[in-house]
Amino acid sequence: MDESRPIFLQIAESIENDIISGELAEGSQIPSINEFAAFHRINPATALKGVTRLVDDGTVEKRRGIGMFVTVGARSRLVARRRDGFAAEYVRPLLVEADKLGIDIDELAGMLREERTKAS
């Protein structure tokens, strides 16, 4: 767990990551609130707050008496939202800094390809 961010947000993000990676398929059941609480050693109310966040945004649905399930289309919605966030958080500031330094788009693309090669 990341001490700098609220645990309920980390729970929600963890479930989102599992959906994006395919570990949790659309239509599949997610772990129960009590399972999350026991695994992370947190209060069940905190786990519930994280899952409720996903219910509120339509990523997870509650099936009365059965549990919580990943909604159809959840993965594509999450990927689209994360891509938009990635552009805002990383790409736009990168382009601003590149402009300041006189780095054109082709040079920037080359730098990105080089770094990806190093990271592989």
N, C-alpha and C. Protein backbone atom coordinates (compact mmCIF):
# COMPACT_ATOMS: atom_id res chain seq x y z
N MET A 1 0.84 -1.19 0.00
CA MET A 1 0.00 0.00 0.00
C MET A 1 0.88 1.25 0.00
N ASP A 2 0.36 2.28 -0.63
CA ASP A 2 1.06 3.55 -0.76
C ASP A 2 0.56 4.49 0.34
N GLU A 3 1.43 4.81 1.27
CA GLU A 3 1.06 5.64 2.43
C GLU A 3 0.56 7.04 2.04
N SER A 4 0.92 7.51 0.85
CA SER A 4 0.60 8.89 0.48
C SER A 4 -0.81 9.04 -0.09
N ARG A 5 -1.49 7.93 -0.40
CA ARG A 5 -2.82 8.01 -0.99
C ARG A 5 -3.82 7.23 -0.14
N PRO A 6 -5.07 7.69 -0.08
CA PRO A 6 -6.07 6.98 0.71
C PRO A 6 -6.20 5.51 0.28
N ILE A 7 -6.37 4.64 1.24
CA ILE A 7 -6.44 3.20 0.97
C ILE A 7 -7.63 2.87 0.07
N PHE A 8 -8.77 3.52 0.28
CA PHE A 8 -9.94 3.19 -0.54
C PHE A 8 -9.68 3.47 -2.01
N LEU A 9 -8.89 4.53 -2.31
CA LEU A 9 -8.54 4.81 -3.71
C LEU A 9 -7.61 3.74 -4.26
N GLN A 10 -6.71 3.26 -3.42
CA GLN A 10 -5.79 2.22 -3.84
C GLN A 10 -6.53 0.90 -4.11
N ILE A 11 -7.55 0.61 -3.32
CA ILE A 11 -8.38 -0.58 -3.53
C ILE A 11 -9.09 -0.47 -4.88
N ALA A 12 -9.71 0.69 -5.13
CA ALA A 12 -10.42 0.90 -6.40
C ALA A 12 -9.46 0.78 -7.58
N GLU A 13 -8.29 1.39 -7.47
CA GLU A 13 -7.31 1.34 -8.55
C GLU A 13 -6.79 -0.08 -8.77
N SER A 14 -6.62 -0.82 -7.72
CA SER A 14 -6.17 -2.21 -7.82
C SER A 14 -7.18 -3.04 -8.61
N ILE A 15 -8.45 -2.86 -8.31
CA ILE A 15 -9.50 -3.58 -9.05
C ILE A 15 -9.51 -3.14 -10.51
N GLU A 16 -9.39 -1.83 -10.74
CA GLU A 16 -9.33 -1.32 -12.11
C GLU A 16 -8.15 -1.94 -12.86
N ASN A 17 -7.00 -2.01 -12.22
CA ASN A 17 -5.81 -2.60 -12.85
C ASN A 17 -6.05 -4.06 -13.22
N ASP A 18 -6.73 -4.79 -12.34
CA ASP A 18 -7.05 -6.19 -12.63
C ASP A 18 -8.02 -6.33 -13.79
N ILE A 19 -8.93 -5.38 -13.92
CA ILE A 19 -9.87 -5.39 -15.05
C ILE A 19 -9.12 -5.07 -16.34
N ILE A 20 -8.28 -4.04 -16.31
CA ILE A 20 -7.53 -3.65 -17.50
C ILE A 20 -6.61 -4.77 -17.97
N SER A 21 -5.96 -5.45 -17.04
CA SER A 21 -5.02 -6.53 -17.39
C SER A 21 -5.74 -7.79 -17.84
N GLY A 22 -7.03 -7.88 -17.56
CA GLY A 22 -7.79 -9.07 -17.92
C GLY A 22 -7.85 -10.10 -16.81
N GLU A 23 -7.18 -9.82 -15.71
CA GLU A 23 -7.23 -10.74 -14.57
C GLU A 23 -8.66 -10.88 -14.06
N LEU A 24 -9.40 -9.77 -14.09
CA LEU A 24 -10.83 -9.78 -13.78
C LEU A 24 -11.57 -9.50 -15.09
N ALA A 25 -12.21 -10.52 -15.64
CA ALA A 25 -12.92 -10.37 -16.91
C ALA A 25 -14.28 -9.72 -16.69
N GLU A 26 -14.79 -9.11 -17.74
CA GLU A 26 -16.13 -8.55 -17.67
C GLU A 26 -17.11 -9.68 -17.35
N GLY A 27 -18.02 -9.42 -16.44
CA GLY A 27 -18.98 -10.42 -16.00
C GLY A 27 -18.51 -11.27 -14.85
N SER A 28 -17.22 -11.16 -14.50
CA SER A 28 -16.70 -11.99 -13.41
C SER A 28 -16.94 -11.31 -12.06
N GLN A 29 -16.98 -12.13 -11.04
CA GLN A 29 -17.20 -11.65 -9.68
C GLN A 29 -15.89 -11.16 -9.09
N ILE A 30 -15.95 -10.03 -8.40
CA ILE A 30 -14.78 -9.53 -7.70
C ILE A 30 -14.79 -10.08 -6.28
N PRO A 31 -13.65 -10.07 -5.60
CA PRO A 31 -13.64 -10.54 -4.21
C PRO A 31 -14.62 -9.74 -3.35
N SER A 32 -15.07 -10.35 -2.27
CA SER A 32 -16.01 -9.69 -1.37
C SER A 32 -15.31 -8.59 -0.58
N ILE A 33 -16.11 -7.72 0.00
CA ILE A 33 -15.58 -6.65 0.85
C ILE A 33 -14.75 -7.25 1.99
N ASN A 34 -15.26 -8.31 2.59
CA ASN A 34 -14.53 -8.93 3.70
C ASN A 34 -13.22 -9.55 3.23
N GLU A 35 -13.19 -10.09 2.02
CA GLU A 35 -11.94 -10.64 1.49
C GLU A 35 -10.91 -9.53 1.27
N PHE A 36 -11.37 -8.40 0.70
CA PHE A 36 -10.46 -7.25 0.53
C PHE A 36 -9.94 -6.78 1.87
N ALA A 37 -10.84 -6.65 2.84
CA ALA A 37 -10.46 -6.16 4.16
C ALA A 37 -9.45 -7.09 4.82
N ALA A 38 -9.68 -8.39 4.74
CA ALA A 38 -8.77 -9.35 5.36
C ALA A 38 -7.41 -9.36 4.65
N PHE A 39 -7.44 -9.35 3.33
CA PHE A 39 -6.20 -9.40 2.56
C PHE A 39 -5.32 -8.18 2.83
N HIS A 40 -5.95 -6.99 2.86
CA HIS A 40 -5.19 -5.75 3.04
C HIS A 40 -5.08 -5.33 4.50
N ARG A 41 -5.73 -6.11 5.38
CA ARG A 41 -5.74 -5.81 6.82
C ARG A 41 -6.25 -4.40 7.09
N ILE A 42 -7.43 -4.15 6.54
CA ILE A 42 -8.07 -2.85 6.71
C ILE A 42 -9.50 -3.04 7.19
N ASN A 43 -10.11 -1.96 7.60
CA ASN A 43 -11.50 -1.96 8.02
C ASN A 43 -12.39 -2.26 6.81
N PRO A 44 -13.39 -3.13 6.96
CA PRO A 44 -14.30 -3.41 5.84
C PRO A 44 -14.97 -2.15 5.28
N ALA A 45 -15.21 -1.16 6.11
CA ALA A 45 -15.83 0.09 5.63
C ALA A 45 -14.92 0.79 4.62
N THR A 46 -13.62 0.68 4.81
CA THR A 46 -12.66 1.28 3.87
C THR A 46 -12.70 0.55 2.54
N ALA A 47 -12.72 -0.78 2.61
CA ALA A 47 -12.81 -1.59 1.39
C ALA A 47 -14.11 -1.29 0.66
N LEU A 48 -15.20 -1.18 1.42
CA LEU A 48 -16.50 -0.88 0.82
C LEU A 48 -16.48 0.47 0.11
N LYS A 49 -15.81 1.44 0.69
CA LYS A 49 -15.72 2.77 0.08
C LYS A 49 -15.03 2.69 -1.28
N GLY A 50 -13.99 1.89 -1.40
CA GLY A 50 -13.29 1.72 -2.67
C GLY A 50 -14.16 1.04 -3.71
N VAL A 51 -14.85 -0.02 -3.30
CA VAL A 51 -15.72 -0.75 -4.24
C VAL A 51 -16.93 0.11 -4.63
N THR A 52 -17.47 0.85 -3.68
CA THR A 52 -18.62 1.72 -3.97
C THR A 52 -18.26 2.75 -5.02
N ARG A 53 -17.04 3.22 -4.98
CA ARG A 53 -16.57 4.17 -5.99
C ARG A 53 -16.70 3.56 -7.39
N LEU A 54 -16.37 2.27 -7.51
CA LEU A 54 -16.46 1.59 -8.79
C LEU A 54 -17.91 1.30 -9.19
N VAL A 55 -18.75 1.06 -8.20
CA VAL A 55 -20.18 0.88 -8.48
C VAL A 55 -20.76 2.19 -8.99
N ASP A 56 -20.39 3.29 -8.34
CA ASP A 56 -20.91 4.60 -8.73
C ASP A 56 -20.52 5.00 -10.15
N ASP A 57 -19.32 4.58 -10.60
CA ASP A 57 -18.91 4.95 -11.96
C ASP A 57 -19.27 3.89 -13.00
N GLY A 58 -19.97 2.82 -12.58
CA GLY A 58 -20.46 1.83 -13.52
C GLY A 58 -19.46 0.74 -13.89
N THR A 59 -18.36 0.67 -13.19
CA THR A 59 -17.34 -0.35 -13.48
C THR A 59 -17.74 -1.70 -12.89
N VAL A 60 -18.40 -1.65 -11.74
CA VAL A 60 -18.82 -2.85 -11.02
C VAL A 60 -20.29 -2.71 -10.71
N GLU A 61 -21.01 -3.83 -10.73
CA GLU A 61 -22.42 -3.80 -10.37
C GLU A 61 -22.68 -4.76 -9.23
N LYS A 62 -23.63 -4.39 -8.40
CA LYS A 62 -24.00 -5.23 -7.26
C LYS A 62 -25.17 -6.10 -7.69
N ARG A 63 -25.03 -7.39 -7.44
CA ARG A 63 -26.13 -8.32 -7.67
C ARG A 63 -26.59 -8.81 -6.32
N ARG A 64 -27.76 -8.36 -5.95
CA ARG A 64 -28.28 -8.60 -4.60
C ARG A 64 -28.21 -10.08 -4.22
N GLY A 65 -27.58 -10.32 -3.09
CA GLY A 65 -27.47 -11.67 -2.56
C GLY A 65 -26.40 -12.53 -3.20
N ILE A 66 -25.74 -12.00 -4.24
CA ILE A 66 -24.73 -12.79 -4.94
C ILE A 66 -23.34 -12.19 -4.77
N GLY A 67 -23.24 -10.87 -4.98
CA GLY A 67 -21.94 -10.21 -4.87
C GLY A 67 -21.79 -9.09 -5.87
N MET A 68 -20.54 -8.71 -6.10
CA MET A 68 -20.21 -7.63 -7.03
C MET A 68 -19.55 -8.22 -8.27
N PHE A 69 -19.92 -7.67 -9.44
CA PHE A 69 -19.44 -8.20 -10.71
C PHE A 69 -18.96 -7.07 -11.61
N VAL A 70 -17.95 -7.37 -12.44
CA VAL A 70 -17.43 -6.41 -13.41
C VAL A 70 -18.48 -6.25 -14.51
N THR A 71 -18.80 -5.01 -14.84
CA THR A 71 -19.82 -4.74 -15.85
C THR A 71 -19.27 -4.95 -17.26
N VAL A 72 -20.18 -5.21 -18.18
CA VAL A 72 -19.82 -5.33 -19.59
C VAL A 72 -19.37 -3.96 -20.09
N GLY A 73 -18.26 -3.90 -20.78
CA GLY A 73 -17.72 -2.65 -21.29
C GLY A 73 -16.82 -1.91 -20.31
N ALA A 74 -16.66 -2.47 -19.12
CA ALA A 74 -15.85 -1.80 -18.09
C ALA A 74 -14.40 -1.62 -18.54
N ARG A 75 -13.82 -2.64 -19.14
CA ARG A 75 -12.41 -2.56 -19.54
C ARG A 75 -12.19 -1.43 -20.54
N SER A 76 -13.01 -1.36 -21.58
CA SER A 76 -12.80 -0.32 -22.60
C SER A 76 -13.01 1.08 -22.01
N ARG A 77 -13.97 1.22 -21.10
CA ARG A 77 -14.18 2.53 -20.46
C ARG A 77 -12.98 2.92 -19.60
N LEU A 78 -12.45 1.95 -18.85
CA LEU A 78 -11.29 2.22 -18.00
C LEU A 78 -10.07 2.58 -18.84
N VAL A 79 -9.84 1.83 -19.91
CA VAL A 79 -8.69 2.11 -20.77
C VAL A 79 -8.81 3.51 -21.37
N ALA A 80 -10.00 3.88 -21.84
CA ALA A 80 -10.20 5.21 -22.42
C ALA A 80 -9.95 6.29 -21.39
N ARG A 81 -10.45 6.09 -20.18
CA ARG A 81 -10.25 7.09 -19.12
C ARG A 81 -8.78 7.20 -18.75
N ARG A 82 -8.09 6.06 -18.64
CA ARG A 82 -6.67 6.07 -18.29
C ARG A 82 -5.84 6.71 -19.40
N ARG A 83 -6.21 6.46 -20.66
CA ARG A 83 -5.47 7.06 -21.78
C ARG A 83 -5.62 8.58 -21.75
N ASP A 84 -6.83 9.05 -21.49
CA ASP A 84 -7.05 10.50 -21.37
C ASP A 84 -6.22 11.08 -20.23
N GLY A 85 -6.21 10.40 -19.11
CA GLY A 85 -5.42 10.84 -17.96
C GLY A 85 -3.94 10.82 -18.26
N PHE A 86 -3.49 9.82 -18.99
CA PHE A 86 -2.08 9.71 -19.37
C PHE A 86 -1.67 10.89 -20.23
N ALA A 87 -2.52 11.24 -21.19
CA ALA A 87 -2.22 12.38 -22.06
C ALA A 87 -2.12 13.66 -21.25
N ALA A 88 -3.07 13.86 -20.34
CA ALA A 88 -3.08 15.09 -19.54
C ALA A 88 -1.90 15.16 -18.57
N GLU A 89 -1.59 14.03 -17.95
CA GLU A 89 -0.56 14.02 -16.90
C GLU A 89 0.86 13.93 -17.44
N TYR A 90 1.05 13.25 -18.55
CA TYR A 90 2.40 12.99 -19.04
C TYR A 90 2.70 13.61 -20.40
N VAL A 91 1.81 13.38 -21.37
CA VAL A 91 2.13 13.79 -22.74
C VAL A 91 2.13 15.30 -22.90
N ARG A 92 1.10 15.97 -22.42
CA ARG A 92 1.06 17.44 -22.57
C ARG A 92 2.25 18.13 -21.89
N PRO A 93 2.56 17.79 -20.64
CA PRO A 93 3.74 18.41 -20.02
C PRO A 93 5.04 18.05 -20.76
N LEU A 94 5.12 16.84 -21.29
CA LEU A 94 6.29 16.44 -22.06
C LEU A 94 6.44 17.32 -23.31
N LEU A 95 5.34 17.56 -23.99
CA LEU A 95 5.39 18.40 -25.19
C LEU A 95 5.75 19.85 -24.86
N VAL A 96 5.24 20.36 -23.76
CA VAL A 96 5.57 21.72 -23.33
C VAL A 96 7.07 21.83 -23.06
N GLU A 97 7.61 20.87 -22.33
CA GLU A 97 9.05 20.88 -22.02
C GLU A 97 9.88 20.70 -23.29
N ALA A 98 9.46 19.81 -24.18
CA ALA A 98 10.17 19.61 -25.44
C ALA A 98 10.21 20.91 -26.25
N ASP A 99 9.09 21.62 -26.29
CA ASP A 99 9.05 22.91 -27.00
C ASP A 99 10.04 23.90 -26.39
N LYS A 100 10.08 23.95 -25.06
CA LYS A 100 11.02 24.86 -24.38
C LYS A 100 12.46 24.56 -24.77
N LEU A 101 12.76 23.28 -24.96
CA LEU A 101 14.13 22.85 -25.24
C LEU A 101 14.42 22.76 -26.73
N GLY A 102 13.45 23.11 -27.55
CA GLY A 102 13.65 23.07 -29.00
C GLY A 102 13.71 21.67 -29.57
N ILE A 103 13.07 20.72 -28.91
CA ILE A 103 13.03 19.33 -29.39
C ILE A 103 11.79 19.17 -30.26
N ASP A 104 12.00 18.85 -31.54
CA ASP A 104 10.83 18.68 -32.41
C ASP A 104 10.24 17.29 -32.21
N ILE A 105 9.08 17.06 -32.82
CA ILE A 105 8.33 15.83 -32.59
C ILE A 105 9.10 14.59 -33.05
N ASP A 106 9.84 14.71 -34.16
CA ASP A 106 10.61 13.56 -34.65
C ASP A 106 11.72 13.19 -33.68
N GLU A 107 12.42 14.20 -33.16
CA GLU A 107 13.48 13.94 -32.19
C GLU A 107 12.90 13.34 -30.91
N LEU A 108 11.76 13.88 -30.49
CA LEU A 108 11.09 13.37 -29.30
C LEU A 108 10.68 11.91 -29.50
N ALA A 109 10.13 11.60 -30.65
CA ALA A 109 9.74 10.22 -30.95
C ALA A 109 10.96 9.31 -30.90
N GLY A 110 12.08 9.77 -31.44
CA GLY A 110 13.32 8.99 -31.38
C GLY A 110 13.77 8.76 -29.95
N MET A 111 13.66 9.78 -29.13
CA MET A 111 14.04 9.65 -27.72
C MET A 111 13.15 8.61 -27.03
N LEU A 112 11.87 8.65 -27.33
CA LEU A 112 10.93 7.70 -26.73
C LEU A 112 11.24 6.27 -27.17
N ARG A 113 11.51 6.10 -28.46
CA ARG A 113 11.87 4.76 -28.96
C ARG A 113 13.15 4.25 -28.27
N GLU A 114 14.12 5.12 -28.12
CA GLU A 114 15.38 4.75 -27.46
C GLU A 114 15.15 4.32 -26.02
N GLU A 115 14.35 5.08 -25.31
CA GLU A 115 14.07 4.74 -23.90
C GLU A 115 13.27 3.44 -23.79
N ARG A 116 12.36 3.22 -24.71
CA ARG A 116 11.58 1.97 -24.68
C ARG A 116 12.51 0.78 -24.91
N THR A 117 13.48 0.93 -25.81
CA THR A 117 14.45 -0.13 -26.08
C THR A 117 15.25 -0.43 -24.82
N LYS A 118 15.68 0.62 -24.13
CA LYS A 118 16.45 0.44 -22.89
C LYS A 118 15.62 -0.27 -21.83
N ALA A 119 14.33 0.05 -21.77
CA ALA A 119 13.45 -0.50 -20.74
C ALA A 119 13.07 -1.96 -21.01
N SER A 120 13.22 -2.39 -22.25
CA SER A 120 12.82 -3.77 -22.59
C SER A 120 13.81 -4.80 -22.15
